[in-house]
Amino acid sequence: MSAKVLERFPAGAPRGSWPAEEYAAARRAEGEPATVVMDLRSDAFLVVVEGPEEDARP
């Protein structure tokens, strides 16, 4: 499986603010199975949609 990143949000949002979760909830309301994951390298929350692994062979 692979994942497509829909949006990135910095981890330093103000206390009580969850912009990545709100964005993912809005995508789910539109029927897209979005989830939030943490990217430790960039210190950001990513909203992703999982999809099938694409075959790179010709």
Protein backbone atom coordinates (compact mmCIF):
# COMPACT_ATOMS: atom_id res chain seq x y z
CA MET A 1 0.00 0.00 0.00
CA SER A 2 1.06 3.57 -0.59
CA ALA A 3 -0.31 6.85 0.65
CA LYS A 4 -1.06 10.15 -1.04
CA VAL A 5 -0.47 13.29 1.07
CA LEU A 6 -3.41 15.67 0.75
CA GLU A 7 -2.14 18.40 3.10
CA ARG A 8 0.59 19.21 5.65
CA PHE A 9 0.16 21.07 8.92
CA PRO A 10 2.98 22.18 11.26
CA ALA A 11 2.98 20.43 14.61
CA GLY A 12 3.19 23.75 16.47
CA ALA A 13 -0.48 24.74 16.18
CA PRO A 14 -1.92 26.80 19.05
CA ARG A 15 -3.12 24.82 22.06
CA GLY A 16 -6.59 23.42 21.49
CA SER A 17 -6.30 23.80 17.72
CA TRP A 18 -6.32 20.64 15.60
CA PRO A 19 -6.22 21.84 11.97
CA ALA A 20 -5.04 18.51 10.55
CA GLU A 21 -7.83 16.61 12.30
CA GLU A 22 -10.40 19.17 11.17
CA TYR A 23 -9.17 18.97 7.56
CA ALA A 24 -9.25 15.15 7.64
CA ALA A 25 -12.78 15.19 9.10
CA ALA A 26 -13.94 17.46 6.28
CA ARG A 27 -12.43 15.09 3.69
CA ARG A 28 -14.11 12.12 5.37
CA ALA A 29 -17.43 13.99 5.26
CA GLU A 30 -16.92 14.23 1.48
CA GLY A 31 -16.39 10.45 1.32
CA GLU A 32 -12.59 10.39 1.17
CA PRO A 33 -11.04 8.03 3.78
CA ALA A 34 -8.47 10.56 5.07
CA THR A 35 -6.36 9.95 8.17
CA VAL A 36 -3.78 11.99 10.05
CA VAL A 37 -0.22 10.77 10.59
CA MET A 38 2.80 12.41 12.19
CA ASP A 39 5.94 12.95 10.12
CA LEU A 40 8.67 13.12 12.76
CA ARG A 41 11.38 14.25 10.32
CA SER A 42 9.52 17.40 9.32
CA ASP A 43 7.66 17.82 12.65
CA ALA A 44 4.36 18.04 10.80
CA PHE A 45 1.01 16.30 10.70
CA LEU A 46 0.09 14.88 7.30
CA VAL A 47 -3.42 14.20 6.08
CA VAL A 48 -3.17 11.12 3.88
CA VAL A 49 -5.35 8.81 1.83
CA GLU A 50 -4.15 5.25 1.41
CA GLY A 51 -4.27 3.70 -2.01
CA PRO A 52 -3.06 0.63 -3.85
CA GLU A 53 0.64 0.28 -4.54
CA GLU A 54 1.28 1.32 -8.14
CA ASP A 55 3.27 -1.14 -10.21
CA ALA A 56 6.33 0.66 -11.62
CA ARG A 57 7.06 -2.04 -14.20
CA PRO A 58 6.33 -1.29 -17.90
